[in-house]
C-alpha atoms as a PDB file:
ATOM      1  CA  MET A   1      35.264  69.953 -11.066  1.00  0.00           C
ATOM      2  CA  ARG A   2      38.311  68.955  -9.136  1.00  0.00           C
ATOM      3  CA  ARG A   3      36.963  65.435  -8.520  1.00  0.00           C
ATOM      4  CA  ILE A   4      36.462  64.872 -12.288  1.00  0.00           C
ATOM      5  CA  SER A   5      40.058  65.827 -13.096  1.00  0.00           C
ATOM      6  CA  GLN A   6      41.369  63.371 -10.499  1.00  0.00           C
ATOM      7  CA  LEU A   7      39.320  60.572 -12.054  1.00  0.00           C
ATOM      8  CA  SER A   8      40.638  61.294 -15.555  1.00  0.00           C
ATOM      9  CA  ILE A   9      44.207  61.004 -14.246  1.00  0.00           C
ATOM     10  CA  ALA A  10      43.484  57.627 -12.625  1.00  0.00           C
ATOM     11  CA  LEU A  11      41.970  56.049 -15.764  1.00  0.00           C
ATOM     12  CA  PRO A  12      45.195  55.922 -17.822  1.00  0.00           C
ATOM     13  CA  VAL A  13      46.953  54.304 -14.867  1.00  0.00           C
ATOM     14  CA  LEU A  14      44.298  51.573 -14.658  1.00  0.00           C
ATOM     15  CA  ALA A  15      44.443  51.061 -18.433  1.00  0.00           C
ATOM     16  CA  GLY A  16      48.199  50.531 -18.132  1.00  0.00           C
ATOM     17  CA  VAL A  17      47.614  47.780 -15.586  1.00  0.00           C
ATOM     18  CA  THR A  18      45.230  46.019 -17.972  1.00  0.00           C
ATOM     19  CA  VAL A  19      47.754  46.138 -20.819  1.00  0.00           C
ATOM     20  CA  PHE A  20      50.463  44.812 -18.506  1.00  0.00           C
ATOM     21  CA  ALA A  21      48.266  41.886 -17.459  1.00  0.00           C
ATOM     22  CA  GLN A  22      47.636  40.951 -21.103  1.00  0.00           C
ATOM     23  CA  THR A  23      51.343  40.845 -21.894  1.00  0.00           C
ATOM     24  CA  ALA A  24      52.301  38.757 -18.848  1.00  0.00           C
ATOM     25  CA  ASP A  25      54.384  35.604 -19.343  1.00  0.00           C
ATOM     26  CA  LYS A  26      52.601  32.601 -20.760  1.00  0.00           C
ATOM     27  CA  THR A  27      52.470  29.358 -18.811  1.00  0.00           C
ATOM     28  CA  GLN A  28      52.021  25.785 -19.967  1.00  0.00           C
ATOM     29  CA  HIS A  29      48.488  24.346 -19.817  1.00  0.00           C
ATOM     30  CA  PHE A  30      47.016  20.947 -20.644  1.00  0.00           C
ATOM     31  CA  VAL A  31      43.631  19.630 -21.782  1.00  0.00           C
ATOM     32  CA  TYR A  32      43.085  15.889 -21.365  1.00  0.00           C
ATOM     33  CA  ASN A  33      40.957  13.865 -23.779  1.00  0.00           C
ATOM     34  CA  ALA A  34      39.563  10.708 -22.246  1.00  0.00           C
ATOM     35  CA  TYR A  35      39.805   8.182 -25.081  1.00  0.00           C
ATOM     36  CA  TRP A  36      40.864   7.427 -28.652  1.00  0.00           C
ATOM     37  CA  SER A  37      40.725   4.134 -30.522  1.00  0.00           C
ATOM     38  CA  ALA A  38      42.348   2.927 -33.720  1.00  0.00           C
ATOM     39  CA  SER A  39      40.489  -0.386 -33.620  1.00  0.00           C
ATOM     40  CA  ASP A  40      38.386  -1.512 -36.590  1.00  0.00           C
ATOM     41  CA  GLY A  41      35.111   0.376 -36.750  1.00  0.00           C
ATOM     42  CA  PHE A  42      36.305   3.346 -34.667  1.00  0.00           C
ATOM     43  CA  GLN A  43      37.032   6.826 -35.984  1.00  0.00           C
ATOM     44  CA  SER A  44      38.676   9.171 -33.466  1.00  0.00           C
ATOM     45  CA  LYS A  45      38.670  12.908 -34.122  1.00  0.00           C
ATOM     46  CA  ALA A  46      39.339  15.874 -31.866  1.00  0.00           C
ATOM     47  CA  GLU A  47      37.606  19.229 -32.255  1.00  0.00           C
ATOM     48  CA  LEU A  48      39.636  22.185 -30.966  1.00  0.00           C
ATOM     49  CA  HIS A  49      38.573  25.798 -30.414  1.00  0.00           C
ATOM     50  CA  ASN A  50      40.680  28.842 -29.517  1.00  0.00           C
ATOM     51  CA  ASN A  51      38.663  30.938 -27.051  1.00  0.00           C
ATOM     52  CA  SER A  52      41.023  33.915 -27.317  1.00  0.00           C
ATOM     53  CA  THR A  53      39.677  36.846 -29.300  1.00  0.00           C
ATOM     54  CA  ILE A  54      43.119  38.372 -29.920  1.00  0.00           C
ATOM     55  CA  ARG A  55      45.848  35.697 -29.806  1.00  0.00           C
ATOM     56  CA  VAL A  56      46.884  32.856 -32.094  1.00  0.00           C
ATOM     57  CA  LEU A  57      47.121  29.566 -30.179  1.00  0.00           C
ATOM     58  CA  SER A  58      49.612  26.771 -30.909  1.00  0.00           C
ATOM     59  CA  VAL A  59      48.606  23.343 -29.635  1.00  0.00           C
ATOM     60  CA  ILE A  60      50.766  20.208 -29.436  1.00  0.00           C
ATOM     61  CA  PRO A  61      48.827  16.931 -29.091  1.00  0.00           C
ATOM     62  CA  PHE A  62      50.429  13.866 -27.497  1.00  0.00           C
ATOM     63  CA  ALA A  63      48.794  10.432 -27.846  1.00  0.00           C
ATOM     64  CA  TYR A  64      49.355   7.915 -25.042  1.00  0.00           C
ATOM     65  CA  ASP A  65      48.663   4.196 -25.164  1.00  0.00           C
ATOM     66  CA  ALA A  66      47.510   1.998 -22.267  1.00  0.00           C
ATOM     67  CA  ASN A  67      51.155   1.321 -21.286  1.00  0.00           C
ATOM     68  CA  GLY A  68      52.021   5.020 -21.017  1.00  0.00           C
ATOM     69  CA  ARG A  69      54.064   5.233 -24.232  1.00  0.00           C
ATOM     70  CA  SER A  70      53.519   8.442 -26.151  1.00  0.00           C
ATOM     71  CA  VAL A  71      53.873   9.935 -29.591  1.00  0.00           C
ATOM     72  CA  GLN A  72      53.671  13.614 -30.539  1.00  0.00           C
ATOM     73  CA  LEU A  73      51.085  14.370 -33.205  1.00  0.00           C
ATOM     74  CA  ASP A  74      51.288  17.282 -35.636  1.00  0.00           C
ATOM     75  CA  SER A  75      51.111  20.740 -34.047  1.00  0.00           C
ATOM     76  CA  ILE A  76      47.991  22.801 -34.691  1.00  0.00           C
ATOM     77  CA  THR A  77      47.851  26.597 -35.008  1.00  0.00           C
ATOM     78  CA  LEU A  78      44.470  28.156 -34.294  1.00  0.00           C
ATOM     79  CA  PRO A  79      43.688  31.777 -35.202  1.00  0.00           C
ATOM     80  CA  PRO A  80      41.768  33.867 -32.657  1.00  0.00           C
ATOM     81  CA  LEU A  81      38.325  32.250 -32.173  1.00  0.00           C
ATOM     82  CA  GLY A  82      39.420  29.613 -34.697  1.00  0.00           C
ATOM     83  CA  ASN A  83      38.530  25.926 -34.898  1.00  0.00           C
ATOM     84  CA  ALA A  84      40.373  22.814 -36.060  1.00  0.00           C
ATOM     85  CA  THR A  85      39.600  19.129 -36.416  1.00  0.00           C
ATOM     86  CA  ILE A  86      42.315  16.528 -35.873  1.00  0.00           C
ATOM     87  CA  ASP A  87      41.875  13.119 -37.495  1.00  0.00           C
ATOM     88  CA  VAL A  88      43.549  11.141 -34.725  1.00  0.00           C
ATOM     89  CA  ASN A  89      43.459   7.799 -36.579  1.00  0.00           C
ATOM     90  CA  ALA A  90      45.145   9.295 -39.677  1.00  0.00           C
ATOM     91  CA  GLN A  91      47.871  10.974 -37.636  1.00  0.00           C
ATOM     92  CA  LEU A  92      48.536   7.812 -35.630  1.00  0.00           C
ATOM     93  CA  ALA A  93      48.758   5.774 -38.854  1.00  0.00           C
ATOM     94  CA  GLY A  94      51.137   8.373 -40.307  1.00  0.00           C
ATOM     95  CA  LYS A  95      53.425   7.875 -37.321  1.00  0.00           C
ATOM     96  CA  ASN A  96      53.112   4.041 -37.534  1.00  0.00           C
ATOM     97  CA  TRP A  97      51.151   3.955 -34.309  1.00  0.00           C
ATOM     98  CA  GLY A  98      47.692   2.931 -35.507  1.00  0.00           C
ATOM     99  CA  ASN A  99      48.546  -0.747 -35.957  1.00  0.00           C
ATOM    100  CA  GLN A 100      50.691  -1.140 -32.855  1.00  0.00           C
ATOM    101  CA  HIS A 101      48.477   0.650 -30.334  1.00  0.00           C
ATOM    102  CA  ALA A 102      44.723   0.093 -30.255  1.00  0.00           C
ATOM    103  CA  ALA A 103      43.544   2.761 -27.796  1.00  0.00           C
ATOM    104  CA  GLY A 104      44.607   5.413 -25.329  1.00  0.00           C
ATOM    105  CA  THR A 105      44.277   9.050 -24.324  1.00  0.00           C
ATOM    106  CA  ILE A 106      45.414  12.375 -25.770  1.00  0.00           C
ATOM    107  CA  VAL A 107      46.857  15.408 -24.025  1.00  0.00           C
ATOM    108  CA  PHE A 108      46.738  18.820 -25.717  1.00  0.00           C
ATOM    109  CA  GLN A 109      49.524  21.133 -24.549  1.00  0.00           C
ATOM    110  CA  TYR A 110      49.487  24.898 -25.114  1.00  0.00           C
ATOM    111  CA  ASN A 111      51.031  28.065 -23.708  1.00  0.00           C
ATOM    112  CA  ALA A 112      48.783  30.953 -22.689  1.00  0.00           C
ATOM    113  CA  THR A 113      48.500  33.650 -20.057  1.00  0.00           C
ATOM    114  CA  HIS A 114      45.626  31.746 -18.409  1.00  0.00           C
ATOM    115  CA  ALA A 115      43.857  28.387 -18.579  1.00  0.00           C
ATOM    116  CA  GLY A 116      40.660  27.921 -20.538  1.00  0.00           C
ATOM    117  CA  VAL A 117      41.927  29.307 -23.839  1.00  0.00           C
ATOM    118  CA  LEU A 118      41.580  25.889 -25.511  1.00  0.00           C
END
């Protein structure tokens, strides 16, 4: 019986460690999308998914052109396990970028306790 009582005392301590790890500071992470195009005949969209089962995820997309110039697109808020679709061409046109820049890449920036949430 003594061994069982020692185990029951250790479990709350381990549970406290788990809770502490979940509330650790968030760090900045990036997901890189290989290509977008605003040229005639192309429609660029990005599909995003929040892999977290408990946390809301805010994502900031940045579009880059071939010369390295960038523009910030509208921020996206994803609920836990939520999805979102970004119409890249529409957002670029809304920021007067669609006509001036034909193609490039997108970087999605987010803050989370670990990578792989987006």
